[in-house]
Amino acid sequence: MPSPGLTMSTSSTIDPSSAPPARMPRGQAAVSELATPRLLRLPQVIEITGLGRDTIYRYIRDGSFPRQRRISARASAWREDEIRQWVESRPVVGRAESKGSRV
């Protein structure tokens, strides 16, 4: 209940264009055209792909996996977008490929 002497306006509207921008959830960055790609270290690449360390490096040698980039004198990382693109390029397992296995 308002205090005496104060009036409340019932016809006030909020202009959506003047509202402050919505905050992104913690840990998520806004996507923009100029955004720097996120870099992943080996444990993250292993987690995303499900591959082991030796398999990742063998695929790199064979040219069938994205190469890492040097980020310091003793560290390297992979671009997240390249790793996600590689994962999406993998074939989907169907019934024809799972011969001999019973579910």
PDB file of N, CA and C in Angstrom:
ATOM      1  N   MET A   1       0.853  -1.171   0.000  1.00  0.00           N
ATOM      2  CA  MET A   1       0.000   0.000   0.000  1.00  0.00           C
ATOM      3  C   MET A   1       0.898   1.233   0.000  1.00  0.00           C
ATOM      4  N   PRO A   2       0.666   2.189  -0.898  1.00  0.00           N
ATOM      5  CA  PRO A   2       1.529   3.363  -0.961  1.00  0.00           C
ATOM      6  C   PRO A   2       1.314   4.283   0.234  1.00  0.00           C
ATOM      7  N   SER A   3       2.356   5.013   0.564  1.00  0.00           N
ATOM      8  CA  SER A   3       2.287   5.987   1.656  1.00  0.00           C
ATOM      9  C   SER A   3       1.441   7.170   1.223  1.00  0.00           C
ATOM     10  N   PRO A   4       0.813   7.847   2.171  1.00  0.00           N
ATOM     11  CA  PRO A   4       0.026   9.036   1.813  1.00  0.00           C
ATOM     12  C   PRO A   4       0.927  10.065   1.137  1.00  0.00           C
ATOM     13  N   GLY A   5       0.439  10.686   0.143  1.00  0.00           N
ATOM     14  CA  GLY A   5       1.200  11.716  -0.560  1.00  0.00           C
ATOM     15  C   GLY A   5       1.933  11.168  -1.776  1.00  0.00           C
ATOM     16  N   LEU A   6       2.061   9.834  -1.911  1.00  0.00           N
ATOM     17  CA  LEU A   6       2.700   9.229  -3.075  1.00  0.00           C
ATOM     18  C   LEU A   6       1.624   8.722  -4.010  1.00  0.00           C
ATOM     19  N   THR A   7       1.810   8.928  -5.277  1.00  0.00           N
ATOM     20  CA  THR A   7       0.832   8.441  -6.231  1.00  0.00           C
ATOM     21  C   THR A   7       1.473   7.359  -7.077  1.00  0.00           C
ATOM     22  N   MET A   8       0.711   6.378  -7.438  1.00  0.00           N
ATOM     23  CA  MET A   8       1.202   5.292  -8.284  1.00  0.00           C
ATOM     24  C   MET A   8       0.561   5.415  -9.649  1.00  0.00           C
ATOM     25  N   SER A   9       1.334   5.254 -10.667  1.00  0.00           N
ATOM     26  CA  SER A   9       0.811   5.299 -12.017  1.00  0.00           C
ATOM     27  C   SER A   9       0.469   3.879 -12.444  1.00  0.00           C
ATOM     28  N   THR A  10      -0.743   3.676 -12.916  1.00  0.00           N
ATOM     29  CA  THR A  10      -1.155   2.350 -13.367  1.00  0.00           C
ATOM     30  C   THR A  10      -1.009   2.210 -14.868  1.00  0.00           C
ATOM     31  N   SER A  11      -0.690   3.300 -15.535  1.00  0.00           N
ATOM     32  CA  SER A  11      -0.596   3.240 -16.988  1.00  0.00           C
ATOM     33  C   SER A  11       0.846   3.216 -17.475  1.00  0.00           C
ATOM     34  N   SER A  12       1.797   2.976 -16.593  1.00  0.00           N
ATOM     35  CA  SER A  12       3.193   2.976 -17.032  1.00  0.00           C
ATOM     36  C   SER A  12       3.496   1.687 -17.792  1.00  0.00           C
ATOM     37  N   THR A  13       4.209   1.839 -18.875  1.00  0.00           N
ATOM     38  CA  THR A  13       4.622   0.688 -19.671  1.00  0.00           C
ATOM     39  C   THR A  13       6.129   0.710 -19.801  1.00  0.00           C
ATOM     40  N   ILE A  14       6.692  -0.447 -19.973  1.00  0.00           N
ATOM     41  CA  ILE A  14       8.136  -0.556 -20.134  1.00  0.00           C
ATOM     42  C   ILE A  14       8.442  -0.760 -21.603  1.00  0.00           C
ATOM     43  N   ASP A  15       9.303   0.087 -22.115  1.00  0.00           N
ATOM     44  CA  ASP A  15       9.739  -0.031 -23.504  1.00  0.00           C
ATOM     45  C   ASP A  15      10.806  -1.119 -23.556  1.00  0.00           C
ATOM     46  N   PRO A  16      10.562  -2.243 -24.283  1.00  0.00           N
ATOM     47  CA  PRO A  16      11.545  -3.337 -24.316  1.00  0.00           C
ATOM     48  C   PRO A  16      12.909  -2.904 -24.844  1.00  0.00           C
ATOM     49  N   SER A  17      12.938  -1.903 -25.717  1.00  0.00           N
ATOM     50  CA  SER A  17      14.220  -1.469 -26.258  1.00  0.00           C
ATOM     51  C   SER A  17      15.049  -0.716 -25.222  1.00  0.00           C
ATOM     52  N   SER A  18      14.403  -0.213 -24.163  1.00  0.00           N
ATOM     53  CA  SER A  18      15.145   0.504 -23.142  1.00  0.00           C
ATOM     54  C   SER A  18      15.528  -0.390 -21.967  1.00  0.00           C
ATOM     55  N   ALA A  19      15.063  -1.638 -21.995  1.00  0.00           N
ATOM     56  CA  ALA A  19      15.385  -2.568 -20.911  1.00  0.00           C
ATOM     57  C   ALA A  19      16.868  -2.931 -20.981  1.00  0.00           C
ATOM     58  N   PRO A  20      17.511  -3.175 -19.839  1.00  0.00           N
ATOM     59  CA  PRO A  20      18.912  -3.566 -19.861  1.00  0.00           C
ATOM     60  C   PRO A  20      19.060  -4.917 -20.550  1.00  0.00           C
ATOM     61  N   PRO A  21      20.207  -5.197 -21.165  1.00  0.00           N
ATOM     62  CA  PRO A  21      20.390  -6.474 -21.866  1.00  0.00           C
ATOM     63  C   PRO A  21      20.331  -7.632 -20.879  1.00  0.00           C
ATOM     64  N   ALA A  22      19.786  -8.736 -21.341  1.00  0.00           N
ATOM     65  CA  ALA A  22      19.703  -9.931 -20.489  1.00  0.00           C
ATOM     66  C   ALA A  22      21.109 -10.450 -20.221  1.00  0.00           C
ATOM     67  N   ARG A  23      21.336 -10.925 -19.028  1.00  0.00           N
ATOM     68  CA  ARG A  23      22.645 -11.463 -18.667  1.00  0.00           C
ATOM     69  C   ARG A  23      22.725 -12.907 -19.117  1.00  0.00           C
ATOM     70  N   MET A  24      23.896 -13.288 -19.605  1.00  0.00           N
ATOM     71  CA  MET A  24      24.136 -14.668 -19.996  1.00  0.00           C
ATOM     72  C   MET A  24      24.374 -15.488 -18.743  1.00  0.00           C
ATOM     73  N   PRO A  25      23.957 -16.758 -18.729  1.00  0.00           N
ATOM     74  CA  PRO A  25      24.266 -17.608 -17.590  1.00  0.00           C
ATOM     75  C   PRO A  25      25.775 -17.695 -17.383  1.00  0.00           C
ATOM     76  N   ARG A  26      26.178 -17.859 -16.153  1.00  0.00           N
ATOM     77  CA  ARG A  26      27.595 -17.919 -15.827  1.00  0.00           C
ATOM     78  C   ARG A  26      28.286 -19.013 -16.639  1.00  0.00           C
ATOM     79  N   GLY A  27      29.440 -18.687 -17.200  1.00  0.00           N
ATOM     80  CA  GLY A  27      30.199 -19.654 -17.972  1.00  0.00           C
ATOM     81  C   GLY A  27      29.868 -19.672 -19.453  1.00  0.00           C
ATOM     82  N   GLN A  28      28.881 -18.906 -19.877  1.00  0.00           N
ATOM     83  CA  GLN A  28      28.523 -18.855 -21.281  1.00  0.00           C
ATOM     84  C   GLN A  28      28.798 -17.466 -21.830  1.00  0.00           C
ATOM     85  N   ALA A  29      29.454 -17.406 -22.958  1.00  0.00           N
ATOM     86  CA  ALA A  29      29.750 -16.124 -23.582  1.00  0.00           C
ATOM     87  C   ALA A  29      28.748 -15.873 -24.698  1.00  0.00           C
ATOM     88  N   ALA A  30      28.507 -14.625 -24.972  1.00  0.00           N
ATOM     89  CA  ALA A  30      27.631 -14.266 -26.081  1.00  0.00           C
ATOM     90  C   ALA A  30      28.336 -14.617 -27.381  1.00  0.00           C
ATOM     91  N   VAL A  31      27.584 -15.152 -28.328  1.00  0.00           N
ATOM     92  CA  VAL A  31      28.162 -15.533 -29.613  1.00  0.00           C
ATOM     93  C   VAL A  31      28.118 -14.317 -30.526  1.00  0.00           C
ATOM     94  N   SER A  32      29.244 -13.986 -31.093  1.00  0.00           N
ATOM     95  CA  SER A  32      29.283 -12.900 -32.058  1.00  0.00           C
ATOM     96  C   SER A  32      30.214 -13.287 -33.188  1.00  0.00           C
ATOM     97  N   GLU A  33      30.127 -12.549 -34.248  1.00  0.00           N
ATOM     98  CA  GLU A  33      30.966 -12.844 -35.403  1.00  0.00           C
ATOM     99  C   GLU A  33      32.438 -12.647 -35.090  1.00  0.00           C
ATOM    100  N   LEU A  34      32.748 -11.758 -34.169  1.00  0.00           N
ATOM    101  CA  LEU A  34      34.132 -11.452 -33.859  1.00  0.00           C
ATOM    102  C   LEU A  34      34.646 -12.203 -32.637  1.00  0.00           C
ATOM    103  N   ALA A  35      33.868 -13.137 -32.128  1.00  0.00           N
ATOM    104  CA  ALA A  35      34.276 -13.871 -30.935  1.00  0.00           C
ATOM    105  C   ALA A  35      35.501 -14.727 -31.232  1.00  0.00           C
ATOM    106  N   THR A  36      36.429 -14.734 -30.308  1.00  0.00           N
ATOM    107  CA  THR A  36      37.615 -15.566 -30.437  1.00  0.00           C
ATOM    108  C   THR A  36      37.222 -17.004 -30.132  1.00  0.00           C
ATOM    109  N   PRO A  37      37.633 -17.949 -30.970  1.00  0.00           N
ATOM    110  CA  PRO A  37      37.277 -19.343 -30.706  1.00  0.00           C
ATOM    111  C   PRO A  37      37.869 -19.809 -29.376  1.00  0.00           C
ATOM    112  N   ARG A  38      37.119 -20.596 -28.664  1.00  0.00           N
ATOM    113  CA  ARG A  38      37.574 -21.143 -27.392  1.00  0.00           C
ATOM    114  C   ARG A  38      38.619 -22.212 -27.668  1.00  0.00           C
ATOM    115  N   LEU A  39      39.678 -22.234 -26.864  1.00  0.00           N
ATOM    116  CA  LEU A  39      40.733 -23.223 -27.012  1.00  0.00           C
ATOM    117  C   LEU A  39      40.570 -24.312 -25.969  1.00  0.00           C
ATOM    118  N   LEU A  40      40.748 -25.560 -26.407  1.00  0.00           N
ATOM    119  CA  LEU A  40      40.599 -26.715 -25.531  1.00  0.00           C
ATOM    120  C   LEU A  40      41.946 -27.395 -25.334  1.00  0.00           C
ATOM    121  N   ARG A  41      42.221 -27.799 -24.111  1.00  0.00           N
ATOM    122  CA  ARG A  41      43.423 -28.576 -23.825  1.00  0.00           C
ATOM    123  C   ARG A  41      43.098 -30.057 -24.022  1.00  0.00           C
ATOM    124  N   LEU A  42      44.129 -30.897 -24.023  1.00  0.00           N
ATOM    125  CA  LEU A  42      43.963 -32.316 -24.333  1.00  0.00           C
ATOM    126  C   LEU A  42      42.895 -33.014 -23.481  1.00  0.00           C
ATOM    127  N   PRO A  43      42.859 -32.830 -22.164  1.00  0.00           N
ATOM    128  CA  PRO A  43      41.809 -33.527 -21.393  1.00  0.00           C
ATOM    129  C   PRO A  43      40.389 -33.164 -21.842  1.00  0.00           C
ATOM    130  N   GLN A  44      40.184 -31.924 -22.253  1.00  0.00           N
ATOM    131  CA  GLN A  44      38.865 -31.510 -22.739  1.00  0.00           C
ATOM    132  C   GLN A  44      38.554 -32.162 -24.082  1.00  0.00           C
ATOM    133  N   VAL A  45      39.564 -32.254 -24.957  1.00  0.00           N
ATOM    134  CA  VAL A  45      39.374 -32.890 -26.267  1.00  0.00           C
ATOM    135  C   VAL A  45      39.046 -34.369 -26.076  1.00  0.00           C
ATOM    136  N   ILE A  46      39.738 -35.025 -25.159  1.00  0.00           N
ATOM    137  CA  ILE A  46      39.465 -36.434 -24.865  1.00  0.00           C
ATOM    138  C   ILE A  46      38.035 -36.594 -24.367  1.00  0.00           C
ATOM    139  N   GLU A  47      37.605 -35.704 -23.485  1.00  0.00           N
ATOM    140  CA  GLU A  47      36.245 -35.780 -22.939  1.00  0.00           C
ATOM    141  C   GLU A  47      35.192 -35.575 -24.023  1.00  0.00           C
ATOM    142  N   ILE A  48      35.389 -34.607 -24.901  1.00  0.00           N
ATOM    143  CA  ILE A  48      34.403 -34.302 -25.942  1.00  0.00           C
ATOM    144  C   ILE A  48      34.330 -35.412 -26.984  1.00  0.00           C
ATOM    145  N   THR A  49      35.500 -35.933 -27.401  1.00  0.00           N
ATOM    146  CA  THR A  49      35.529 -36.908 -28.492  1.00  0.00           C
ATOM    147  C   THR A  49      35.336 -38.341 -28.031  1.00  0.00           C
ATOM    148  N   GLY A  50      35.705 -38.634 -26.796  1.00  0.00           N
ATOM    149  CA  GLY A  50      35.663 -40.014 -26.331  1.00  0.00           C
ATOM    150  C   GLY A  50      36.865 -40.820 -26.798  1.00  0.00           C
ATOM    151  N   LEU A  51      37.810 -40.169 -27.447  1.00  0.00           N
ATOM    152  CA  LEU A  51      39.017 -40.840 -27.932  1.00  0.00           C
ATOM    153  C   LEU A  51      40.108 -40.804 -26.870  1.00  0.00           C
ATOM    154  N   GLY A  52      41.045 -41.723 -26.982  1.00  0.00           N
ATOM    155  CA  GLY A  52      42.197 -41.712 -26.097  1.00  0.00           C
ATOM    156  C   GLY A  52      43.297 -40.827 -26.661  1.00  0.00           C
ATOM    157  N   ARG A  53      44.273 -40.514 -25.825  1.00  0.00           N
ATOM    158  CA  ARG A  53      45.393 -39.648 -26.214  1.00  0.00           C
ATOM    159  C   ARG A  53      46.126 -40.194 -27.439  1.00  0.00           C
ATOM    160  N   ASP A  54      46.501 -41.469 -27.401  1.00  0.00           N
ATOM    161  CA  ASP A  54      47.248 -42.060 -28.519  1.00  0.00           C
ATOM    162  C   ASP A  54      46.442 -42.042 -29.813  1.00  0.00           C
ATOM    163  N   THR A  55      45.145 -42.297 -29.723  1.00  0.00           N
ATOM    164  CA  THR A  55      44.293 -42.288 -30.914  1.00  0.00           C
ATOM    165  C   THR A  55      44.215 -40.890 -31.511  1.00  0.00           C
ATOM    166  N   ILE A  56      44.089 -39.881 -30.668  1.00  0.00           N
ATOM    167  CA  ILE A  56      44.045 -38.499 -31.157  1.00  0.00           C
ATOM    168  C   ILE A  56      45.316 -38.173 -31.932  1.00  0.00           C
ATOM    169  N   TYR A  57      46.471 -38.473 -31.362  1.00  0.00           N
ATOM    170  CA  TYR A  57      47.726 -38.163 -32.047  1.00  0.00           C
ATOM    171  C   TYR A  57      47.929 -39.012 -33.299  1.00  0.00           C
ATOM    172  N   ARG A  58      47.442 -40.251 -33.304  1.00  0.00           N
ATOM    173  CA  ARG A  58      47.529 -41.084 -34.513  1.00  0.00           C
ATOM    174  C   ARG A  58      46.652 -40.488 -35.615  1.00  0.00           C
ATOM    175  N   TYR A  59      45.434 -40.050 -35.261  1.00  0.00           N
ATOM    176  CA  TYR A  59      44.555 -39.428 -36.250  1.00  0.00           C
ATOM    177  C   TYR A  59      45.163 -38.124 -36.784  1.00  0.00           C
ATOM    178  N   ILE A  60      45.841 -37.371 -35.940  1.00  0.00           N
ATOM    179  CA  ILE A  60      46.510 -36.145 -36.403  1.00  0.00           C
ATOM    180  C   ILE A  60      47.584 -36.507 -37.428  1.00  0.00           C
ATOM    181  N   ARG A  61      48.390 -37.521 -37.130  1.00  0.00           N
ATOM    182  CA  ARG A  61      49.432 -37.970 -38.071  1.00  0.00           C
ATOM    183  C   ARG A  61      48.822 -38.402 -39.395  1.00  0.00           C
ATOM    184  N   ASP A  62      47.656 -39.079 -39.322  1.00  0.00           N
ATOM    185  CA  ASP A  62      46.984 -39.554 -40.541  1.00  0.00           C
ATOM    186  C   ASP A  62      46.271 -38.428 -41.292  1.00  0.00           C
ATOM    187  N   GLY A  63      46.152 -37.265 -40.662  1.00  0.00           N
ATOM    188  CA  GLY A  63      45.457 -36.145 -41.290  1.00  0.00           C
ATOM    189  C   GLY A  63      43.944 -36.211 -41.157  1.00  0.00           C
ATOM    190  N   SER A  64      43.441 -37.053 -40.252  1.00  0.00           N
ATOM    191  CA  SER A  64      41.990 -37.193 -40.114  1.00  0.00           C
ATOM    192  C   SER A  64      41.444 -36.557 -38.832  1.00  0.00           C
ATOM    193  N   PHE A  65      42.243 -35.726 -38.175  1.00  0.00           N
ATOM    194  CA  PHE A  65      41.810 -35.041 -36.955  1.00  0.00           C
ATOM    195  C   PHE A  65      42.450 -33.653 -36.959  1.00  0.00           C
ATOM    196  N   PRO A  66      41.750 -32.641 -36.437  1.00  0.00           N
ATOM    197  CA  PRO A  66      42.308 -31.282 -36.437  1.00  0.00           C
ATOM    198  C   PRO A  66      43.632 -31.202 -35.678  1.00  0.00           C
ATOM    199  N   ARG A  67      44.566 -30.445 -36.215  1.00  0.00           N
ATOM    200  CA  ARG A  67      45.858 -30.248 -35.554  1.00  0.00           C
ATOM    201  C   ARG A  67      45.724 -29.231 -34.430  1.00  0.00           C
ATOM    202  N   GLN A  68      46.510 -29.427 -33.408  1.00  0.00           N
ATOM    203  CA  GLN A  68      46.531 -28.488 -32.293  1.00  0.00           C
ATOM    204  C   GLN A  68      47.338 -27.250 -32.671  1.00  0.00           C
ATOM    205  N   ARG A  69      47.174 -26.205 -31.881  1.00  0.00           N
ATOM    206  CA  ARG A  69      47.900 -24.946 -32.088  1.00  0.00           C
ATOM    207  C   ARG A  69      48.777 -24.670 -30.882  1.00  0.00           C
ATOM    208  N   ARG A  70      49.926 -24.096 -31.143  1.00  0.00           N
ATOM    209  CA  ARG A  70      50.848 -23.733 -30.070  1.00  0.00           C
ATOM    210  C   ARG A  70      50.303 -22.492 -29.378  1.00  0.00           C
ATOM    211  N   ILE A  71      50.135 -22.543 -28.063  1.00  0.00           N
ATOM    212  CA  ILE A  71      49.632 -21.380 -27.326  1.00  0.00           C
ATOM    213  C   ILE A  71      50.686 -20.791 -26.407  1.00  0.00           C
ATOM    214  N   SER A  72      51.773 -21.523 -26.188  1.00  0.00           N
ATOM    215  CA  SER A  72      52.924 -21.007 -25.447  1.00  0.00           C
ATOM    216  C   SER A  72      54.105 -21.910 -25.786  1.00  0.00           C
ATOM    217  N   ALA A  73      55.235 -21.649 -25.173  1.00  0.00           N
ATOM    218  CA  ALA A  73      56.431 -22.440 -25.473  1.00  0.00           C
ATOM    219  C   ALA A  73      56.236 -23.921 -25.172  1.00  0.00           C
ATOM    220  N   ARG A  74      55.423 -24.231 -24.159  1.00  0.00           N
ATOM    221  CA  ARG A  74      55.268 -25.633 -23.760  1.00  0.00           C
ATOM    222  C   ARG A  74      53.820 -26.105 -23.710  1.00  0.00           C
ATOM    223  N   ALA A  75      52.928 -25.393 -24.363  1.00  0.00           N
ATOM    224  CA  ALA A  75      51.519 -25.789 -24.319  1.00  0.00           C
ATOM    225  C   ALA A  75      50.873 -25.659 -25.694  1.00  0.00           C
ATOM    226  N   SER A  76      49.928 -26.552 -25.949  1.00  0.00           N
ATOM    227  CA  SER A  76      49.157 -26.483 -27.190  1.00  0.00           C
ATOM    228  C   SER A  76      47.691 -26.726 -26.867  1.00  0.00           C
ATOM    229  N   ALA A  77      46.835 -26.344 -27.814  1.00  0.00           N
ATOM    230  CA  ALA A  77      45.393 -26.490 -27.619  1.00  0.00           C
ATOM    231  C   ALA A  77      44.724 -26.617 -28.980  1.00  0.00           C
ATOM    232  N   TRP A  78      43.485 -27.072 -28.947  1.00  0.00           N
ATOM    233  CA  TRP A  78      42.678 -27.227 -30.148  1.00  0.00           C
ATOM    234  C   TRP A  78      41.553 -26.213 -30.125  1.00  0.00           C
ATOM    235  N   ARG A  79      41.154 -25.754 -31.311  1.00  0.00           N
ATOM    236  CA  ARG A  79      39.994 -24.868 -31.398  1.00  0.00           C
ATOM    237  C   ARG A  79      38.735 -25.685 -31.169  1.00  0.00           C
ATOM    238  N   GLU A  80      37.862 -25.209 -30.283  1.00  0.00           N
ATOM    239  CA  GLU A  80      36.643 -25.947 -29.959  1.00  0.00           C
ATOM    240  C   GLU A  80      35.761 -26.134 -31.189  1.00  0.00           C
ATOM    241  N   ASP A  81      35.652 -25.111 -32.025  1.00  0.00           N
ATOM    242  CA  ASP A  81      34.789 -25.227 -33.200  1.00  0.00           C
ATOM    243  C   ASP A  81      35.271 -26.327 -34.141  1.00  0.00           C
ATOM    244  N   GLU A  82      36.592 -26.504 -34.280  1.00  0.00           N
ATOM    245  CA  GLU A  82      37.126 -27.562 -35.142  1.00  0.00           C
ATOM    246  C   GLU A  82      36.859 -28.944 -34.555  1.00  0.00           C
ATOM    247  N   ILE A  83      36.984 -29.064 -33.237  1.00  0.00           N
ATOM    248  CA  ILE A  83      36.727 -30.352 -32.590  1.00  0.00           C
ATOM    249  C   ILE A  83      35.246 -30.703 -32.708  1.00  0.00           C
ATOM    250  N   ARG A  84      34.366 -29.743 -32.458  1.00  0.00           N
ATOM    251  CA  ARG A  84      32.918 -30.005 -32.559  1.00  0.00           C
ATOM    252  C   ARG A  84      32.524 -30.352 -33.999  1.00  0.00           C
ATOM    253  N   GLN A  85      33.149 -29.679 -34.963  1.00  0.00           N
ATOM    254  CA  GLN A  85      32.874 -29.979 -36.369  1.00  0.00           C
ATOM    255  C   GLN A  85      33.332 -31.404 -36.704  1.00  0.00           C
ATOM    256  N   TRP A  86      34.484 -31.812 -36.177  1.00  0.00           N
ATOM    257  CA  TRP A  86      34.983 -33.163 -36.401  1.00  0.00           C
ATOM    258  C   TRP A  86      33.993 -34.183 -35.817  1.00  0.00           C
ATOM    259  N   VAL A  87      33.521 -33.944 -34.599  1.00  0.00           N
ATOM    260  CA  VAL A  87      32.564 -34.856 -33.963  1.00  0.00           C
ATOM    261  C   VAL A  87      31.308 -34.970 -34.821  1.00  0.00           C
ATOM    262  N   GLU A  88      30.784 -33.836 -35.300  1.00  0.00           N
ATOM    263  CA  GLU A  88      29.575 -33.855 -36.116  1.00  0.00           C
ATOM    264  C   GLU A  88      29.796 -34.558 -37.452  1.00  0.00           C
ATOM    265  N   SER A  89      31.027 -34.608 -37.940  1.00  0.00           N
ATOM    266  CA  SER A  89      31.313 -35.245 -39.226  1.00  0.00           C
ATOM    267  C   SER A  89      31.389 -36.770 -39.120  1.00  0.00           C
ATOM    268  N   ARG A  90      31.423 -37.293 -37.916  1.00  0.00           N
ATOM    269  CA  ARG A  90      31.522 -38.734 -37.719  1.00  0.00           C
ATOM    270  C   ARG A  90      30.207 -39.391 -38.105  1.00  0.00           C
ATOM    271  N   PRO A  91      30.279 -40.582 -38.717  1.00  0.00           N
ATOM    272  CA  PRO A  91      29.035 -41.254 -39.123  1.00  0.00           C
ATOM    273  C   PRO A  91      28.220 -41.717 -37.917  1.00  0.00           C
ATOM    274  N   VAL A  92      26.921 -41.754 -38.107  1.00  0.00           N
ATOM    275  CA  VAL A  92      26.010 -42.237 -37.081  1.00  0.00           C
ATOM    276  C   VAL A  92      25.921 -43.745 -37.213  1.00  0.00           C
ATOM    277  N   VAL A  93      26.024 -44.454 -36.113  1.00  0.00           N
ATOM    278  CA  VAL A  93      25.954 -45.908 -36.131  1.00  0.00           C
ATOM    279  C   VAL A  93      24.505 -46.322 -36.325  1.00  0.00           C
ATOM    280  N   GLY A  94      24.296 -47.172 -37.320  1.00  0.00           N
ATOM    281  CA  GLY A  94      22.949 -47.672 -37.594  1.00  0.00           C
ATOM    282  C   GLY A  94      22.905 -49.174 -37.416  1.00  0.00           C
ATOM    283  N   ARG A  95      21.765 -49.756 -37.636  1.00  0.00           N
ATOM    284  CA  ARG A  95      21.602 -51.210 -37.491  1.00  0.00           C
ATOM    285  C   ARG A  95      22.511 -51.971 -38.433  1.00  0.00           C
ATOM    286  N   ALA A  96      22.703 -51.505 -39.641  1.00  0.00           N
ATOM    287  CA  ALA A  96      23.518 -52.222 -40.621  1.00  0.00           C
ATOM    288  C   ALA A  96      24.973 -52.321 -40.177  1.00  0.00           C
ATOM    289  N   GLU A  97      25.451 -51.315 -39.402  1.00  0.00           N
ATOM    290  CA  GLU A  97      26.840 -51.320 -38.958  1.00  0.00           C
ATOM    291  C   GLU A  97      27.055 -52.159 -37.711  1.00  0.00           C
ATOM    292  N   SER A  98      26.004 -52.518 -37.010  1.00  0.00           N
ATOM    293  CA  SER A  98      26.151 -53.234 -35.746  1.00  0.00           C
ATOM    294  C   SER A  98      25.853 -54.720 -35.900  1.00  0.00           C
ATOM    295  N   LYS A  99      26.349 -55.349 -36.977  1.00  0.00           N
ATOM    296  CA  LYS A  99      26.119 -56.776 -37.233  1.00  0.00           C
ATOM    297  C   LYS A  99      26.726 -57.603 -36.105  1.00  0.00           C
ATOM    298  N   GLY A 100      26.012 -58.619 -35.740  1.00  0.00           N
ATOM    299  CA  GLY A 100      26.527 -59.547 -34.750  1.00  0.00           C
ATOM    300  C   GLY A 100      26.267 -59.115 -33.311  1.00  0.00           C
ATOM    301  N   SER A 101      25.849 -57.896 -33.078  1.00  0.00           N
ATOM    302  CA  SER A 101      25.578 -57.475 -31.709  1.00  0.00           C
ATOM    303  C   SER A 101      24.075 -57.550 -31.457  1.00  0.00           C
ATOM    304  N   ARG A 102      23.731 -58.095 -30.328  1.00  0.00           N
ATOM    305  CA  ARG A 102      22.319 -58.184 -29.962  1.00  0.00           C
ATOM    306  C   ARG A 102      22.034 -57.247 -28.807  1.00  0.00           C
ATOM    307  N   VAL A 103      20.903 -56.605 -28.895  1.00  0.00           N
ATOM    308  CA  VAL A 103      20.514 -55.677 -27.850  1.00  0.00           C
ATOM    309  C   VAL A 103      19.370 -56.252 -27.057  1.00  0.00           C
TER     310      VAL A 103
END
